[in-house]
Amino acid sequence: MTNRRPRKTPSGSSANPALAPNRERLKVGDAVAGPPAQSSRAPAKRVPFGSYIDPELHKELRVMCAVEGIEIRDALDQALRQWITNHNAL
């Protein structure tokens, strides 16, 4: 077995700064993302769901979820529940 050489880093130290967590807030345009939202309810059982949406809509959804600090699946869950409620009210 051969001895491995230590990895080279730009600063010459053995720590890899690329692996350090980023503590800065996410900035999107003029908006700054808040801390991640904490769910007040127990995690619900989820089933896989897939669909195709407009790429620009997907991009806007990702940005808005990042700024609001929520997961995309929670935003989709909320939107689908709202759509069903509105549809049933007709």
PDB file of N, CA and C in Angstrom:
ATOM      1  N   MET A   1       0.841  -1.167   0.000  1.00  0.00           N
ATOM      2  CA  MET A   1       0.000   0.000   0.000  1.00  0.00           C
ATOM      3  C   MET A   1       0.893   1.241   0.000  1.00  0.00           C
ATOM      4  N   THR A   2       0.532   2.209  -0.834  1.00  0.00           N
ATOM      5  CA  THR A   2       1.337   3.416  -0.933  1.00  0.00           C
ATOM      6  C   THR A   2       0.801   4.492  -0.003  1.00  0.00           C
ATOM      7  N   ASN A   3       1.698   5.341   0.441  1.00  0.00           N
ATOM      8  CA  ASN A   3       1.289   6.461   1.279  1.00  0.00           C
ATOM      9  C   ASN A   3       0.743   7.573   0.403  1.00  0.00           C
ATOM     10  N   ARG A   4      -0.363   8.123   0.809  1.00  0.00           N
ATOM     11  CA  ARG A   4      -0.964   9.215   0.052  1.00  0.00           C
ATOM     12  C   ARG A   4      -0.335  10.531   0.447  1.00  0.00           C
ATOM     13  N   ARG A   5      -0.217  11.393  -0.553  1.00  0.00           N
ATOM     14  CA  ARG A   5       0.274  12.736  -0.278  1.00  0.00           C
ATOM     15  C   ARG A   5      -0.890  13.593   0.205  1.00  0.00           C
ATOM     16  N   PRO A   6      -0.643  14.576   1.051  1.00  0.00           N
ATOM     17  CA  PRO A   6      -1.724  15.469   1.471  1.00  0.00           C
ATOM     18  C   PRO A   6      -2.221  16.276   0.283  1.00  0.00           C
ATOM     19  N   ARG A   7      -3.501  16.584   0.303  1.00  0.00           N
ATOM     20  CA  ARG A   7      -4.083  17.369  -0.782  1.00  0.00           C
ATOM     21  C   ARG A   7      -3.542  18.784  -0.770  1.00  0.00           C
ATOM     22  N   LYS A   8      -3.402  19.335  -1.952  1.00  0.00           N
ATOM     23  CA  LYS A   8      -2.967  20.716  -2.077  1.00  0.00           C
ATOM     24  C   LYS A   8      -4.187  21.621  -2.012  1.00  0.00           C
ATOM     25  N   THR A   9      -4.061  22.722  -1.317  1.00  0.00           N
ATOM     26  CA  THR A   9      -5.127  23.720  -1.247  1.00  0.00           C
ATOM     27  C   THR A   9      -4.539  25.058  -1.660  1.00  0.00           C
ATOM     28  N   PRO A  10      -5.381  25.982  -2.134  1.00  0.00           N
ATOM     29  CA  PRO A  10      -4.868  27.279  -2.569  1.00  0.00           C
ATOM     30  C   PRO A  10      -4.104  28.027  -1.481  1.00  0.00           C
ATOM     31  N   SER A  11      -4.553  27.900  -0.245  1.00  0.00           N
ATOM     32  CA  SER A  11      -3.887  28.636   0.824  1.00  0.00           C
ATOM     33  C   SER A  11      -2.712  27.866   1.414  1.00  0.00           C
ATOM     34  N   GLY A  12      -2.587  26.622   1.027  1.00  0.00           N
ATOM     35  CA  GLY A  12      -1.509  25.811   1.557  1.00  0.00           C
ATOM     36  C   GLY A  12      -1.886  25.121   2.858  1.00  0.00           C
ATOM     37  N   SER A  13      -3.056  25.448   3.435  1.00  0.00           N
ATOM     38  CA  SER A  13      -3.485  24.790   4.669  1.00  0.00           C
ATOM     39  C   SER A  13      -4.155  23.474   4.329  1.00  0.00           C
ATOM     40  N   SER A  14      -4.345  22.641   5.318  1.00  0.00           N
ATOM     41  CA  SER A  14      -4.960  21.344   5.071  1.00  0.00           C
ATOM     42  C   SER A  14      -6.485  21.425   5.057  1.00  0.00           C
ATOM     43  N   ALA A  15      -7.068  22.493   5.589  1.00  0.00           N
ATOM     44  CA  ALA A  15      -8.524  22.642   5.589  1.00  0.00           C
ATOM     45  C   ALA A  15      -8.999  23.059   4.205  1.00  0.00           C
ATOM     46  N   ASN A  16     -10.152  22.573   3.808  1.00  0.00           N
ATOM     47  CA  ASN A  16     -10.707  22.911   2.514  1.00  0.00           C
ATOM     48  C   ASN A  16     -11.844  23.908   2.722  1.00  0.00           C
ATOM     49  N   PRO A  17     -11.650  25.184   2.370  1.00  0.00           N
ATOM     50  CA  PRO A  17     -12.689  26.175   2.599  1.00  0.00           C
ATOM     51  C   PRO A  17     -13.938  25.936   1.765  1.00  0.00           C
ATOM     52  N   ALA A  18     -13.843  25.164   0.709  1.00  0.00           N
ATOM     53  CA  ALA A  18     -15.013  24.882  -0.106  1.00  0.00           C
ATOM     54  C   ALA A  18     -16.023  24.024   0.645  1.00  0.00           C
ATOM     55  N   LEU A  19     -15.572  23.300   1.665  1.00  0.00           N
ATOM     56  CA  LEU A  19     -16.463  22.439   2.417  1.00  0.00           C
ATOM     57  C   LEU A  19     -17.069  23.137   3.634  1.00  0.00           C
ATOM     58  N   ALA A  20     -16.685  24.362   3.894  1.00  0.00           N
ATOM     59  CA  ALA A  20     -17.237  25.094   5.027  1.00  0.00           C
ATOM     60  C   ALA A  20     -18.641  25.575   4.672  1.00  0.00           C
ATOM     61  N   PRO A  21     -19.592  25.517   5.635  1.00  0.00           N
ATOM     62  CA  PRO A  21     -20.949  25.969   5.327  1.00  0.00           C
ATOM     63  C   PRO A  21     -20.999  27.467   5.068  1.00  0.00           C
ATOM     64  N   ASN A  22     -21.862  27.854   4.158  1.00  0.00           N
ATOM     65  CA  ASN A  22     -22.044  29.260   3.829  1.00  0.00           C
ATOM     66  C   ASN A  22     -23.062  29.852   4.790  1.00  0.00           C
ATOM     67  N   ARG A  23     -22.667  30.808   5.610  1.00  0.00           N
ATOM     68  CA  ARG A  23     -23.549  31.393   6.625  1.00  0.00           C
ATOM     69  C   ARG A  23     -24.223  32.672   6.145  1.00  0.00           C
ATOM     70  N   GLU A  24     -23.925  33.111   4.908  1.00  0.00           N
ATOM     71  CA  GLU A  24     -24.516  34.337   4.390  1.00  0.00           C
ATOM     72  C   GLU A  24     -25.950  34.085   3.952  1.00  0.00           C
ATOM     73  N   ARG A  25     -26.774  35.135   4.034  1.00  0.00           N
ATOM     74  CA  ARG A  25     -28.159  35.053   3.580  1.00  0.00           C
ATOM     75  C   ARG A  25     -28.203  35.048   2.056  1.00  0.00           C
ATOM     76  N   LEU A  26     -29.132  34.295   1.488  1.00  0.00           N
ATOM     77  CA  LEU A  26     -29.309  34.234   0.045  1.00  0.00           C
ATOM     78  C   LEU A  26     -29.894  35.552  -0.432  1.00  0.00           C
ATOM     79  N   LYS A  27     -29.289  36.159  -1.445  1.00  0.00           N
ATOM     80  CA  LYS A  27     -29.777  37.411  -2.011  1.00  0.00           C
ATOM     81  C   LYS A  27     -30.253  37.151  -3.427  1.00  0.00           C
ATOM     82  N   VAL A  28     -31.499  37.573  -3.702  1.00  0.00           N
ATOM     83  CA  VAL A  28     -32.076  37.450  -5.027  1.00  0.00           C
ATOM     84  C   VAL A  28     -32.583  38.826  -5.402  1.00  0.00           C
ATOM     85  N   GLY A  29     -31.885  39.511  -6.313  1.00  0.00           N
ATOM     86  CA  GLY A  29     -32.240  40.889  -6.642  1.00  0.00           C
ATOM     87  C   GLY A  29     -32.065  41.762  -5.414  1.00  0.00           C
ATOM     88  N   ASP A  30     -33.110  42.498  -5.044  1.00  0.00           N
ATOM     89  CA  ASP A  30     -33.068  43.332  -3.844  1.00  0.00           C
ATOM     90  C   ASP A  30     -33.548  42.587  -2.610  1.00  0.00           C
ATOM     91  N   ALA A  31     -34.144  41.418  -2.788  1.00  0.00           N
ATOM     92  CA  ALA A  31     -34.699  40.657  -1.665  1.00  0.00           C
ATOM     93  C   ALA A  31     -33.621  39.792  -1.022  1.00  0.00           C
ATOM     94  N   VAL A  32     -33.746  39.616   0.283  1.00  0.00           N
ATOM     95  CA  VAL A  32     -32.845  38.746   1.039  1.00  0.00           C
ATOM     96  C   VAL A  32     -33.695  37.660   1.674  1.00  0.00           C
ATOM     97  N   ALA A  33     -33.296  36.413   1.497  1.00  0.00           N
ATOM     98  CA  ALA A  33     -34.065  35.291   2.026  1.00  0.00           C
ATOM     99  C   ALA A  33     -34.017  35.282   3.538  1.00  0.00           C
ATOM    100  N   GLY A  34     -35.142  34.924   4.129  1.00  0.00           N
ATOM    101  CA  GLY A  34     -35.225  34.775   5.573  1.00  0.00           C
ATOM    102  C   GLY A  34     -34.749  33.397   5.976  1.00  0.00           C
ATOM    103  N   PRO A  35     -34.774  33.118   7.271  1.00  0.00           N
ATOM    104  CA  PRO A  35     -34.390  31.778   7.718  1.00  0.00           C
ATOM    105  C   PRO A  35     -35.434  30.761   7.256  1.00  0.00           C
ATOM    106  N   PRO A  36     -35.070  29.497   7.141  1.00  0.00           N
ATOM    107  CA  PRO A  36     -36.026  28.493   6.700  1.00  0.00           C
ATOM    108  C   PRO A  36     -37.240  28.460   7.614  1.00  0.00           C
ATOM    109  N   ALA A  37     -38.413  28.334   7.019  1.00  0.00           N
ATOM    110  CA  ALA A  37     -39.646  28.283   7.794  1.00  0.00           C
ATOM    111  C   ALA A  37     -39.739  26.941   8.516  1.00  0.00           C
ATOM    112  N   GLN A  38     -40.212  26.981   9.744  1.00  0.00           N
ATOM    113  CA  GLN A  38     -40.414  25.769  10.518  1.00  0.00           C
ATOM    114  C   GLN A  38     -41.876  25.354  10.392  1.00  0.00           C
ATOM    115  N   SER A  39     -42.113  24.115  10.039  1.00  0.00           N
ATOM    116  CA  SER A  39     -43.469  23.624   9.882  1.00  0.00           C
ATOM    117  C   SER A  39     -44.088  23.409  11.256  1.00  0.00           C
ATOM    118  N   SER A  40     -45.335  23.861  11.421  1.00  0.00           N
ATOM    119  CA  SER A  40     -46.014  23.716  12.707  1.00  0.00           C
ATOM    120  C   SER A  40     -46.719  22.372  12.826  1.00  0.00           C
ATOM    121  N   ARG A  41     -46.815  21.637  11.730  1.00  0.00           N
ATOM    122  CA  ARG A  41     -47.499  20.359  11.773  1.00  0.00           C
ATOM    123  C   ARG A  41     -46.517  19.214  11.529  1.00  0.00           C
ATOM    124  N   ALA A  42     -46.950  18.026  11.912  1.00  0.00           N
ATOM    125  CA  ALA A  42     -46.110  16.849  11.708  1.00  0.00           C
ATOM    126  C   ALA A  42     -45.972  16.598  10.211  1.00  0.00           C
ATOM    127  N   PRO A  43     -44.820  16.103   9.771  1.00  0.00           N
ATOM    128  CA  PRO A  43     -44.640  15.846   8.342  1.00  0.00           C
ATOM    129  C   PRO A  43     -45.671  14.841   7.840  1.00  0.00           C
ATOM    130  N   ALA A  44     -46.360  15.211   6.773  1.00  0.00           N
ATOM    131  CA  ALA A  44     -47.363  14.331   6.186  1.00  0.00           C
ATOM    132  C   ALA A  44     -46.694  13.322   5.275  1.00  0.00           C
ATOM    133  N   LYS A  45     -47.338  12.186   5.128  1.00  0.00           N
ATOM    134  CA  LYS A  45     -46.837  11.200   4.185  1.00  0.00           C
ATOM    135  C   LYS A  45     -47.017  11.774   2.787  1.00  0.00           C
ATOM    136  N   ARG A  46     -46.022  11.660   1.970  1.00  0.00           N
ATOM    137  CA  ARG A  46     -46.059  12.217   0.616  1.00  0.00           C
ATOM    138  C   ARG A  46     -45.867  11.107  -0.399  1.00  0.00           C
ATOM    139  N   VAL A  47     -46.457  11.322  -1.554  1.00  0.00           N
ATOM    140  CA  VAL A  47     -46.303  10.373  -2.662  1.00  0.00           C
ATOM    141  C   VAL A  47     -45.567  11.086  -3.784  1.00  0.00           C
ATOM    142  N   PRO A  48     -44.852  10.362  -4.622  1.00  0.00           N
ATOM    143  CA  PRO A  48     -44.144  10.997  -5.735  1.00  0.00           C
ATOM    144  C   PRO A  48     -45.141  11.658  -6.694  1.00  0.00           C
ATOM    145  N   PHE A  49     -44.754  12.802  -7.220  1.00  0.00           N
ATOM    146  CA  PHE A  49     -45.598  13.545  -8.160  1.00  0.00           C
ATOM    147  C   PHE A  49     -44.667  14.230  -9.140  1.00  0.00           C
ATOM    148  N   GLY A  50     -44.915  14.025 -10.402  1.00  0.00           N
ATOM    149  CA  GLY A  50     -44.063  14.648 -11.412  1.00  0.00           C
ATOM    150  C   GLY A  50     -44.904  15.254 -12.511  1.00  0.00           C
ATOM    151  N   SER A  51     -44.427  16.341 -13.058  1.00  0.00           N
ATOM    152  CA  SER A  51     -45.122  17.009 -14.135  1.00  0.00           C
ATOM    153  C   SER A  51     -44.136  17.902 -14.872  1.00  0.00           C
ATOM    154  N   TYR A  52     -44.557  18.417 -16.004  1.00  0.00           N
ATOM    155  CA  TYR A  52     -43.731  19.338 -16.773  1.00  0.00           C
ATOM    156  C   TYR A  52     -44.359  20.719 -16.699  1.00  0.00           C
ATOM    157  N   ILE A  53     -43.543  21.722 -16.353  1.00  0.00           N
ATOM    158  CA  ILE A  53     -44.032  23.097 -16.302  1.00  0.00           C
ATOM    159  C   ILE A  53     -43.106  23.990 -17.108  1.00  0.00           C
ATOM    160  N   ASP A  54     -43.593  25.175 -17.399  1.00  0.00           N
ATOM    161  CA  ASP A  54     -42.813  26.164 -18.144  1.00  0.00           C
ATOM    162  C   ASP A  54     -41.506  26.451 -17.400  1.00  0.00           C
ATOM    163  N   PRO A  55     -40.370  26.481 -18.089  1.00  0.00           N
ATOM    164  CA  PRO A  55     -39.085  26.729 -17.422  1.00  0.00           C
ATOM    165  C   PRO A  55     -39.034  28.054 -16.660  1.00  0.00           C
ATOM    166  N   GLU A  56     -39.654  29.099 -17.204  1.00  0.00           N
ATOM    167  CA  GLU A  56     -39.653  30.389 -16.509  1.00  0.00           C
ATOM    168  C   GLU A  56     -40.482  30.323 -15.233  1.00  0.00           C
ATOM    169  N   LEU A  57     -41.593  29.592 -15.259  1.00  0.00           N
ATOM    170  CA  LEU A  57     -42.415  29.415 -14.061  1.00  0.00           C
ATOM    171  C   LEU A  57     -41.636  28.646 -13.005  1.00  0.00           C
ATOM    172  N   HIS A  58     -40.904  27.631 -13.437  1.00  0.00           N
ATOM    173  CA  HIS A  58     -40.082  26.850 -12.511  1.00  0.00           C
ATOM    174  C   HIS A  58     -39.001  27.715 -11.861  1.00  0.00           C
ATOM    175  N   LYS A  59     -38.364  28.551 -12.675  1.00  0.00           N
ATOM    176  CA  LYS A  59     -37.322  29.432 -12.161  1.00  0.00           C
ATOM    177  C   LYS A  59     -37.905  30.413 -11.144  1.00  0.00           C
ATOM    178  N   GLU A  60     -39.056  31.004 -11.476  1.00  0.00           N
ATOM    179  CA  GLU A  60     -39.699  31.950 -10.564  1.00  0.00           C
ATOM    180  C   GLU A  60     -40.112  31.257  -9.265  1.00  0.00           C
ATOM    181  N   LEU A  61     -40.621  30.036  -9.361  1.00  0.00           N
ATOM    182  CA  LEU A  61     -40.995  29.265  -8.176  1.00  0.00           C
ATOM    183  C   LEU A  61     -39.785  29.015  -7.288  1.00  0.00           C
ATOM    184  N   ARG A  62     -38.665  28.605  -7.880  1.00  0.00           N
ATOM    185  CA  ARG A  62     -37.453  28.335  -7.102  1.00  0.00           C
ATOM    186  C   ARG A  62     -36.969  29.589  -6.378  1.00  0.00           C
ATOM    187  N   VAL A  63     -36.978  30.717  -7.086  1.00  0.00           N
ATOM    188  CA  VAL A  63     -36.507  31.969  -6.483  1.00  0.00           C
ATOM    189  C   VAL A  63     -37.427  32.385  -5.349  1.00  0.00           C
ATOM    190  N   MET A  64     -38.746  32.347  -5.587  1.00  0.00           N
ATOM    191  CA  MET A  64     -39.688  32.770  -4.554  1.00  0.00           C
ATOM    192  C   MET A  64     -39.607  31.867  -3.323  1.00  0.00           C
ATOM    193  N   CYS A  65     -39.441  30.573  -3.524  1.00  0.00           N
ATOM    194  CA  CYS A  65     -39.308  29.654  -2.393  1.00  0.00           C
ATOM    195  C   CYS A  65     -38.027  29.938  -1.612  1.00  0.00           C
ATOM    196  N   ALA A  66     -36.952  30.246  -2.315  1.00  0.00           N
ATOM    197  CA  ALA A  66     -35.690  30.568  -1.642  1.00  0.00           C
ATOM    198  C   ALA A  66     -35.831  31.842  -0.817  1.00  0.00           C
ATOM    199  N   VAL A  67     -36.475  32.855  -1.387  1.00  0.00           N
ATOM    200  CA  VAL A  67     -36.650  34.123  -0.681  1.00  0.00           C
ATOM    201  C   VAL A  67     -37.557  33.940   0.533  1.00  0.00           C
ATOM    202  N   GLU A  68     -38.628  33.153   0.382  1.00  0.00           N
ATOM    203  CA  GLU A  68     -39.569  32.925   1.483  1.00  0.00           C
ATOM    204  C   GLU A  68     -39.027  31.936   2.512  1.00  0.00           C
ATOM    205  N   GLY A  69     -38.009  31.164   2.127  1.00  0.00           N
ATOM    206  CA  GLY A  69     -37.433  30.190   3.046  1.00  0.00           C
ATOM    207  C   GLY A  69     -38.280  28.936   3.191  1.00  0.00           C
ATOM    208  N   ILE A  70     -39.003  28.562   2.127  1.00  0.00           N
ATOM    209  CA  ILE A  70     -39.813  27.347   2.174  1.00  0.00           C
ATOM    210  C   ILE A  70     -39.354  26.392   1.086  1.00  0.00           C
ATOM    211  N   GLU A  71     -39.719  25.137   1.245  1.00  0.00           N
ATOM    212  CA  GLU A  71     -39.374  24.142   0.245  1.00  0.00           C
ATOM    213  C   GLU A  71     -40.377  24.190  -0.902  1.00  0.00           C
ATOM    214  N   ILE A  72     -39.922  23.827  -2.083  1.00  0.00           N
ATOM    215  CA  ILE A  72     -40.783  23.842  -3.263  1.00  0.00           C
ATOM    216  C   ILE A  72     -41.983  22.930  -3.049  1.00  0.00           C
ATOM    217  N   ARG A  73     -41.781  21.784  -2.452  1.00  0.00           N
ATOM    218  CA  ARG A  73     -42.905  20.864  -2.263  1.00  0.00           C
ATOM    219  C   ARG A  73     -43.978  21.462  -1.360  1.00  0.00           C
ATOM    220  N   ASP A  74     -43.583  22.280  -0.372  1.00  0.00           N
ATOM    221  CA  ASP A  74     -44.571  22.935   0.482  1.00  0.00           C
ATOM    222  C   ASP A  74     -45.337  24.008  -0.281  1.00  0.00           C
ATOM    223  N   ALA A  75     -44.654  24.747  -1.155  1.00  0.00           N
ATOM    224  CA  ALA A  75     -45.328  25.755  -1.975  1.00  0.00           C
ATOM    225  C   ALA A  75     -46.305  25.092  -2.941  1.00  0.00           C
ATOM    226  N   LEU A  76     -45.896  23.986  -3.548  1.00  0.00           N
ATOM    227  CA  LEU A  76     -46.782  23.262  -4.455  1.00  0.00           C
ATOM    228  C   LEU A  76     -47.980  22.695  -3.707  1.00  0.00           C
ATOM    229  N   ASP A  77     -47.747  22.169  -2.516  1.00  0.00           N
ATOM    230  CA  ASP A  77     -48.832  21.636  -1.695  1.00  0.00           C
ATOM    231  C   ASP A  77     -49.857  22.735  -1.407  1.00  0.00           C
ATOM    232  N   GLN A  78     -49.373  23.908  -1.007  1.00  0.00           N
ATOM    233  CA  GLN A  78     -50.245  25.037  -0.709  1.00  0.00           C
ATOM    234  C   GLN A  78     -51.011  25.487  -1.966  1.00  0.00           C
ATOM    235  N   ALA A  79     -50.325  25.590  -3.091  1.00  0.00           N
ATOM    236  CA  ALA A  79     -50.967  26.031  -4.324  1.00  0.00           C
ATOM    237  C   ALA A  79     -52.030  25.042  -4.793  1.00  0.00           C
ATOM    238  N   LEU A  80     -51.728  23.749  -4.708  1.00  0.00           N
ATOM    239  CA  LEU A  80     -52.700  22.744  -5.139  1.00  0.00           C
ATOM    240  C   LEU A  80     -53.924  22.730  -4.226  1.00  0.00           C
ATOM    241  N   ARG A  81     -53.700  22.869  -2.918  1.00  0.00           N
ATOM    242  CA  ARG A  81     -54.840  22.917  -1.981  1.00  0.00           C
ATOM    243  C   ARG A  81     -55.708  24.138  -2.263  1.00  0.00           C
ATOM    244  N   GLN A  82     -55.085  25.282  -2.556  1.00  0.00           N
ATOM    245  CA  GLN A  82     -55.835  26.491  -2.866  1.00  0.00           C
ATOM    246  C   GLN A  82     -56.623  26.314  -4.160  1.00  0.00           C
ATOM    247  N   TRP A  83     -56.018  25.707  -5.163  1.00  0.00           N
ATOM    248  CA  TRP A  83     -56.701  25.485  -6.438  1.00  0.00           C
ATOM    249  C   TRP A  83     -57.906  24.570  -6.248  1.00  0.00           C
ATOM    250  N   ILE A  84     -57.731  23.497  -5.465  1.00  0.00           N
ATOM    251  CA  ILE A  84     -58.837  22.568  -5.213  1.00  0.00           C
ATOM    252  C   ILE A  84     -59.961  23.276  -4.460  1.00  0.00           C
ATOM    253  N   THR A  85     -59.618  24.072  -3.462  1.00  0.00           N
ATOM    254  CA  THR A  85     -60.622  24.828  -2.710  1.00  0.00           C
ATOM    255  C   THR A  85     -61.396  25.768  -3.628  1.00  0.00           C
ATOM    256  N   ASN A  86     -60.689  26.499  -4.490  1.00  0.00           N
ATOM    257  CA  ASN A  86     -61.339  27.411  -5.420  1.00  0.00           C
ATOM    258  C   ASN A  86     -62.195  26.661  -6.431  1.00  0.00           C
ATOM    259  N   HIS A  87     -61.719  25.519  -6.880  1.00  0.00           N
ATOM    260  CA  HIS A  87     -62.439  24.733  -7.876  1.00  0.00           C
ATOM    261  C   HIS A  87     -63.719  24.169  -7.266  1.00  0.00           C
ATOM    262  N   ASN A  88     -63.669  23.710  -6.019  1.00  0.00           N
ATOM    263  CA  ASN A  88     -64.842  23.156  -5.344  1.00  0.00           C
ATOM    264  C   ASN A  88     -65.879  24.236  -5.010  1.00  0.00           C
ATOM    265  N   ALA A  89     -65.444  25.491  -4.905  1.00  0.00           N
ATOM    266  CA  ALA A  89     -66.354  26.587  -4.570  1.00  0.00           C
ATOM    267  C   ALA A  89     -67.226  26.979  -5.760  1.00  0.00           C
ATOM    268  N   LEU A  90     -66.884  26.538  -6.959  1.00  0.00           N
ATOM    269  CA  LEU A  90     -67.647  26.915  -8.150  1.00  0.00           C
ATOM    270  C   LEU A  90     -68.988  26.240  -8.210  1.00  0.00           C
TER     271      LEU A  90
END
